Amino acid sequence: MNRVRNLLDWDFVRQKGYTGDGVGVAVFDTGIFPHPDLKHRIIGMKDFVEDSYGIYDDNGHGTHVAGILAGDGSSSEGKYTGIAPGAWLYAYKILNEGGNGNLNRAVQALEDCISRAKAYNLRILNFSMGMGKNVNSEEKKRLLNCLEMAWDAGIVVVCAAGNEGPLPMSITPPGNLRKIITVGAMDDESSNVPGNLNRGYSGRGPTGSYIMKPEVVAPGTNITSCNAKRKPLYTIKSGTSMSTPVVSGAIALLLEKYPNLTPAQVKLRLYHTCVSMGLKKNHEGWGMLNLKNLLTGSL
């Protein structure tokens, strides 16, 4: 996370004192383990897999995502502090131990999220996952509609571009939705991409409807964050699943400073403040997230 923060100008954030304080983020994933860096950030969890009332993560993906977003770094002397360590996390467990789920669970979770958004100040929805190719078309349509309903209800929906790149039109649903913010990885072509991912793994646009995607890119390769096991406390993962909470955390910082922004205004702010890396537009979109740019200047 040190590398990630340095790339994004996070020192400016630290100097200004922004932490995402009070901004609620709904994390749709495998759950969140009460890791020492996270246990004081978790305000609730709803389990749509086992219908359990505990706070847990039997896979680890959701905990890693949550650490990138809002880990306080207390177990690493700050080395692995997340982007918005003052944000609140509400976990929606819709994926099982193997990282699999079904769309009906996701729809139920989205409906619940929308209904409790005001009570928990859930301003952001982090969706670090994609759909397979053989999903039921009606169920897929319901899920996409629910994500757009969340956006219309005032929740900034942030989705991963998926790891099916580098060919054009390789962004996985729901990252191909027009309204939402889709996040790719800017470092997916580096020489140290792990073997379980293709070099150039980040999903490329445009969508099947020729909408420019992704909107923004952030670091996603070899990211160290919270582990769902007690030992070791941290682990390394790669993918656009890791890029997505970087952007969600940045938006939490922005909403701490400007709490009345609408999702559309947040998206426009990203458009004006991202920095091109000289990559193809269907890879980088508007460019790489820059926290100093995002948080300075007039609206």
Protein backbone atom coordinates (compact mmCIF):
# COMPACT_ATOMS: atom_id res chain seq x y z
CA MET A 1 0.00 0.00 0.00
CA ASN A 2 2.96 2.35 0.40
CA ARG A 3 3.54 2.07 -3.36
CA VAL A 4 -0.13 2.68 -4.09
CA ARG A 5 -0.32 5.75 -1.86
CA ASN A 6 2.86 7.22 -3.33
CA LEU A 7 1.53 6.81 -6.88
CA LEU A 8 -1.68 8.62 -5.97
CA ASP A 9 -0.25 11.61 -4.03
CA TRP A 10 -1.62 10.32 -0.71
CA ASP A 11 0.85 12.46 1.29
CA PHE A 12 -1.34 15.44 0.43
CA VAL A 13 -4.32 13.61 1.95
CA ARG A 14 -2.40 12.89 5.15
CA GLN A 15 -1.23 16.50 5.47
CA LYS A 16 -4.79 17.81 5.05
CA GLY A 17 -6.21 15.29 7.52
CA TYR A 18 -8.76 13.66 5.22
CA THR A 19 -9.65 10.09 6.22
CA GLY A 20 -13.14 9.52 4.83
CA ASP A 21 -14.50 10.00 8.34
CA GLY A 22 -18.19 9.19 8.64
CA VAL A 23 -18.64 8.07 5.03
CA GLY A 24 -20.25 4.64 4.79
CA VAL A 25 -19.16 2.15 2.13
CA ALA A 26 -21.11 -0.99 1.30
CA VAL A 27 -18.66 -3.76 0.38
CA PHE A 28 -20.30 -6.46 -1.74
CA ASP A 29 -17.99 -9.46 -1.54
CA THR A 30 -17.12 -12.54 0.55
CA GLY A 31 -17.62 -10.77 3.87
CA ILE A 32 -15.03 -9.03 6.04
CA PHE A 33 -12.89 -10.65 8.74
CA PRO A 34 -12.56 -8.52 11.92
CA HIS A 35 -8.86 -7.92 11.26
CA PRO A 36 -7.09 -5.62 13.75
CA ASP A 37 -6.85 -2.96 11.02
CA LEU A 38 -10.58 -3.20 10.27
CA LYS A 39 -12.52 -4.25 13.36
CA HIS A 40 -13.22 -0.67 14.43
CA ARG A 41 -14.39 0.28 10.93
CA ILE A 42 -17.06 -2.41 10.44
CA ILE A 43 -20.52 -1.11 11.31
CA GLY A 44 -22.46 -4.17 10.20
CA MET A 45 -22.69 -7.21 7.99
CA LYS A 46 -25.54 -8.94 6.20
CA ASP A 47 -24.92 -12.53 5.13
CA PHE A 48 -26.85 -13.65 2.04
CA VAL A 49 -24.98 -16.97 1.78
CA GLU A 50 -25.20 -18.72 5.16
CA ASP A 51 -27.68 -16.32 6.80
CA SER A 52 -25.27 -15.98 9.72
CA TYR A 53 -25.26 -13.08 12.16
CA GLY A 54 -21.49 -13.04 12.66
CA ILE A 55 -18.79 -10.85 11.11
CA TYR A 56 -16.61 -13.18 9.06
CA ASP A 57 -14.94 -13.92 5.73
CA ASP A 58 -14.34 -17.56 4.78
CA ASN A 59 -12.56 -16.68 1.52
CA GLY A 60 -10.37 -13.62 2.12
CA HIS A 61 -11.18 -11.58 -0.97
CA GLY A 62 -13.55 -9.20 0.81
CA THR A 63 -11.14 -8.62 3.70
CA HIS A 64 -8.33 -7.75 1.29
CA VAL A 65 -10.62 -5.32 -0.57
CA ALA A 66 -11.75 -3.75 2.72
CA GLY A 67 -8.15 -3.25 3.86
CA ILE A 68 -7.24 -1.40 0.66
CA LEU A 69 -10.27 0.79 1.13
CA ALA A 70 -10.25 1.54 4.85
CA GLY A 71 -7.62 -0.39 6.81
CA ASP A 72 -6.03 1.77 9.52
CA GLY A 73 -2.59 0.14 9.22
CA SER A 74 -2.30 -0.29 12.99
CA SER A 75 -0.72 -3.75 12.69
CA SER A 76 1.98 -2.59 10.25
CA GLU A 77 2.98 0.75 11.80
CA GLY A 78 1.05 2.44 9.01
CA LYS A 79 2.76 0.66 6.12
CA TYR A 80 -0.45 -0.95 4.89
CA THR A 81 -2.89 1.85 5.70
CA GLY A 82 -5.82 1.97 3.30
CA ILE A 83 -6.90 4.96 1.24
CA ALA A 84 -9.70 6.12 3.59
CA PRO A 85 -8.91 4.79 7.08
CA GLY A 86 -11.75 6.76 8.64
CA ALA A 87 -14.52 5.37 6.44
CA TRP A 88 -17.17 3.02 7.79
CA LEU A 89 -17.69 -0.41 6.23
CA TYR A 90 -20.93 -2.34 5.87
CA ALA A 91 -20.26 -5.84 4.54
CA TYR A 92 -22.66 -7.64 2.23
CA LYS A 93 -21.64 -11.27 1.92
CA ILE A 94 -22.94 -12.49 -1.44
CA LEU A 95 -20.07 -14.82 -2.36
CA ASN A 96 -19.33 -18.14 -0.67
CA GLU A 97 -16.09 -19.72 0.53
CA GLY A 98 -15.10 -20.52 -3.05
CA GLY A 99 -15.79 -16.97 -4.23
CA ASN A 100 -18.96 -17.98 -6.06
CA GLY A 101 -22.46 -16.59 -5.73
CA ASN A 102 -25.78 -16.23 -7.47
CA LEU A 103 -27.49 -13.19 -8.87
CA ASN A 104 -30.62 -13.52 -6.74
CA ARG A 105 -28.52 -13.09 -3.58
CA ALA A 106 -26.87 -10.03 -5.08
CA VAL A 107 -30.24 -8.48 -5.97
CA GLN A 108 -31.56 -9.06 -2.44
CA ALA A 109 -28.42 -7.50 -1.01
CA LEU A 110 -28.72 -4.47 -3.28
CA GLU A 111 -32.33 -3.94 -2.26
CA ASP A 112 -31.28 -4.11 1.39
CA CYS A 113 -28.43 -1.68 0.80
CA ILE A 114 -30.70 0.87 -0.83
CA SER A 115 -33.21 0.57 2.03
CA ARG A 116 -30.63 1.19 4.77
CA ALA A 117 -28.42 3.70 2.94
CA LYS A 118 -29.68 6.77 4.79
CA ALA A 119 -29.59 5.16 8.23
CA TYR A 120 -25.95 4.10 7.80
CA ASN A 121 -24.84 6.94 5.49
CA LEU A 122 -23.92 4.40 2.81
CA ARG A 123 -22.67 6.74 0.10
CA ILE A 124 -20.53 4.28 -1.88
CA LEU A 125 -21.03 0.71 -3.10
CA ASN A 126 -17.84 -1.24 -3.88
CA PHE A 127 -18.45 -4.15 -6.28
CA SER A 128 -15.12 -5.93 -6.85
CA MET A 129 -16.47 -8.80 -8.92
CA GLY A 130 -17.94 -9.65 -12.29
CA MET A 131 -20.43 -12.03 -13.84
CA GLY A 132 -19.65 -15.17 -15.77
CA LYS A 133 -20.72 -15.63 -19.37
CA ASN A 134 -23.40 -18.24 -18.69
CA VAL A 135 -25.64 -16.32 -16.31
CA ASN A 136 -29.40 -16.21 -16.63
CA SER A 137 -30.29 -13.17 -18.75
CA GLU A 138 -33.33 -12.19 -16.68
CA GLU A 139 -31.39 -12.43 -13.41
CA LYS A 140 -28.56 -10.43 -14.95
CA LYS A 141 -31.02 -7.74 -16.06
CA ARG A 142 -32.47 -7.52 -12.53
CA LEU A 143 -29.00 -7.10 -11.03
CA LEU A 144 -28.00 -4.39 -13.49
CA ASN A 145 -31.29 -2.57 -12.87
CA CYS A 146 -30.70 -2.72 -9.11
CA LEU A 147 -27.21 -1.25 -9.46
CA GLU A 148 -28.65 1.63 -11.47
CA MET A 149 -31.38 2.06 -8.84
CA ALA A 150 -28.65 2.36 -6.18
CA TRP A 151 -26.94 5.05 -8.27
CA ASP A 152 -30.23 6.91 -8.71
CA ALA A 153 -30.80 6.67 -4.95
CA GLY A 154 -27.58 8.62 -4.33
CA ILE A 155 -25.08 5.79 -3.86
CA VAL A 156 -21.87 6.02 -5.91
CA VAL A 157 -21.49 2.57 -7.50
CA VAL A 158 -17.87 1.58 -8.19
CA CYS A 159 -17.28 -1.65 -10.13
CA ALA A 160 -14.26 -3.59 -11.36
CA ALA A 161 -13.46 -3.76 -15.07
CA GLY A 162 -12.68 -7.47 -14.69
CA ASN A 163 -9.56 -9.48 -15.49
CA GLU A 164 -10.40 -10.70 -19.01
CA GLY A 165 -8.15 -8.24 -20.94
CA PRO A 166 -6.33 -7.21 -23.01
CA LEU A 167 -8.68 -7.54 -26.00
CA PRO A 168 -11.20 -4.75 -26.73
CA MET A 169 -14.72 -5.23 -25.34
CA SER A 170 -13.42 -7.43 -22.53
CA ILE A 171 -14.97 -5.57 -19.58
CA THR A 172 -17.15 -7.95 -17.56
CA PRO A 173 -20.65 -7.03 -16.35
CA PRO A 174 -21.64 -5.09 -14.35
CA GLY A 175 -18.62 -2.94 -15.23
CA ASN A 176 -20.19 -2.26 -18.62
CA LEU A 177 -23.10 -0.28 -17.14
CA ARG A 178 -23.21 3.29 -18.44
CA LYS A 179 -24.03 5.13 -15.20
CA ILE A 180 -21.57 3.56 -12.80
CA ILE A 181 -17.83 4.17 -12.32
CA THR A 182 -15.75 1.33 -13.76
CA VAL A 183 -12.18 0.85 -12.58
CA GLY A 184 -9.30 -0.78 -14.44
CA ALA A 185 -5.73 -1.54 -13.39
CA MET A 186 -2.97 0.76 -14.63
CA ASP A 187 -0.13 -1.68 -13.84
CA ASP A 188 -1.52 -4.81 -15.49
CA GLU A 189 1.23 -4.95 -18.10
CA SER A 190 4.15 -4.86 -15.67
CA SER A 191 6.67 -7.70 -15.73
CA ASN A 192 5.63 -8.87 -12.25
CA VAL A 193 2.00 -9.71 -13.02
CA PRO A 194 1.34 -12.98 -11.14
CA GLY A 195 0.97 -16.20 -13.09
CA ASN A 196 -2.75 -16.63 -12.44
CA LEU A 197 -3.46 -13.50 -14.51
CA ASN A 198 -2.69 -12.67 -18.14
CA ARG A 199 -0.30 -9.83 -18.77
CA GLY A 200 -2.62 -6.98 -19.73
CA TYR A 201 -5.41 -8.56 -17.65
CA SER A 202 -7.43 -5.39 -17.00
CA GLY A 203 -10.70 -5.38 -18.95
CA ARG A 204 -10.70 -3.08 -21.97
CA GLY A 205 -13.53 -1.07 -23.44
CA PRO A 206 -15.62 -0.12 -25.16
CA THR A 207 -18.75 -1.94 -24.03
CA GLY A 208 -20.98 -3.82 -26.43
CA SER A 209 -22.97 -0.59 -26.72
CA TYR A 210 -19.77 1.31 -27.58
CA ILE A 211 -19.69 3.21 -24.29
CA MET A 212 -16.19 4.31 -23.31
CA LYS A 213 -14.98 2.22 -20.37
CA PRO A 214 -13.29 2.08 -17.93
CA GLU A 215 -13.59 5.60 -16.53
CA VAL A 216 -10.48 5.46 -14.37
CA VAL A 217 -7.49 3.27 -13.56
CA ALA A 218 -5.60 2.68 -10.31
CA PRO A 219 -2.88 0.29 -9.10
CA GLY A 220 -4.04 -3.33 -8.94
CA THR A 221 -1.01 -5.61 -9.24
CA ASN A 222 0.68 -7.20 -6.21
CA ILE A 223 -1.20 -5.19 -3.60
CA THR A 224 -0.53 -6.02 0.06
CA SER A 225 -3.58 -5.74 2.30
CA CYS A 226 -5.42 -7.43 5.15
CA ASN A 227 -5.58 -11.22 5.35
CA ALA A 228 -8.66 -13.05 6.63
CA LYS A 229 -6.37 -15.42 8.55
CA ARG A 230 -4.66 -14.38 11.75
CA LYS A 231 -1.22 -15.37 10.44
CA PRO A 232 0.14 -13.74 8.42
CA LEU A 233 -1.83 -10.57 9.01
CA TYR A 234 -1.28 -9.38 5.43
CA THR A 235 -1.32 -11.01 2.02
CA ILE A 236 -0.77 -10.05 -1.62
CA LYS A 237 -3.47 -10.13 -4.30
CA SER A 238 -3.79 -8.73 -7.82
CA GLY A 239 -6.60 -7.76 -10.16
CA THR A 240 -9.09 -5.03 -10.87
CA SER A 241 -10.78 -6.17 -7.64
CA MET A 242 -7.85 -4.46 -5.92
CA SER A 243 -7.98 -1.31 -8.09
CA THR A 244 -11.66 -0.77 -7.35
CA PRO A 245 -11.43 -0.13 -3.57
CA VAL A 246 -8.58 2.33 -4.23
CA VAL A 247 -11.10 4.46 -6.13
CA SER A 248 -13.89 3.80 -3.62
CA GLY A 249 -11.56 5.00 -0.85
CA ALA A 250 -10.71 8.12 -2.83
CA ILE A 251 -14.41 8.88 -3.27
CA ALA A 252 -14.90 8.49 0.49
CA LEU A 253 -12.26 11.20 0.98
CA LEU A 254 -14.04 13.41 -1.54
CA LEU A 255 -17.43 12.91 0.13
CA GLU A 256 -15.94 13.72 3.52
CA LYS A 257 -14.90 17.10 2.10
CA TYR A 258 -18.00 17.63 -0.06
CA PRO A 259 -20.81 15.56 1.52
CA ASN A 260 -23.55 16.92 -0.73
CA LEU A 261 -22.10 15.70 -4.03
CA THR A 262 -24.35 13.48 -6.14
CA PRO A 263 -23.01 10.36 -7.87
CA ALA A 264 -23.03 12.22 -11.20
CA GLN A 265 -21.01 15.08 -9.67
CA VAL A 266 -18.49 12.61 -8.23
CA LYS A 267 -18.09 11.05 -11.66
CA LEU A 268 -17.60 14.47 -13.26
CA ARG A 269 -14.98 15.32 -10.63
CA LEU A 270 -13.02 12.20 -11.59
CA TYR A 271 -13.29 13.18 -15.25
CA HIS A 272 -11.67 16.55 -14.56
CA THR A 273 -8.92 15.35 -12.22
CA CYS A 274 -7.54 12.03 -13.51
CA VAL A 275 -4.10 12.08 -15.11
CA SER A 276 -3.44 10.39 -18.46
CA MET A 277 -0.64 7.84 -18.45
CA GLY A 278 -0.43 7.77 -22.23
CA LEU A 279 -2.18 4.43 -22.46
CA LYS A 280 -4.92 3.63 -24.96
CA LYS A 281 -8.27 5.17 -24.05
CA ASN A 282 -9.94 1.77 -23.90
CA HIS A 283 -7.41 0.83 -21.19
CA GLU A 284 -7.04 3.97 -19.05
CA GLY A 285 -10.29 5.84 -19.72
CA TRP A 286 -9.83 9.32 -18.28
CA GLY A 287 -6.51 8.29 -16.75
CA MET A 288 -5.08 7.43 -13.36
CA LEU A 289 -6.65 8.58 -10.14
CA ASN A 290 -4.81 11.47 -8.46
CA LEU A 291 -5.87 12.30 -4.92
CA LYS A 292 -4.43 15.80 -4.76
CA ASN A 293 -6.23 16.80 -7.95
CA LEU A 294 -9.44 15.16 -6.77
CA LEU A 295 -9.50 17.06 -3.48
CA THR A 296 -8.32 20.50 -4.60
CA GLY A 297 -9.75 23.20 -6.80
CA SER A 298 -13.28 24.49 -7.16
CA LEU A 299 -16.26 22.31 -7.92
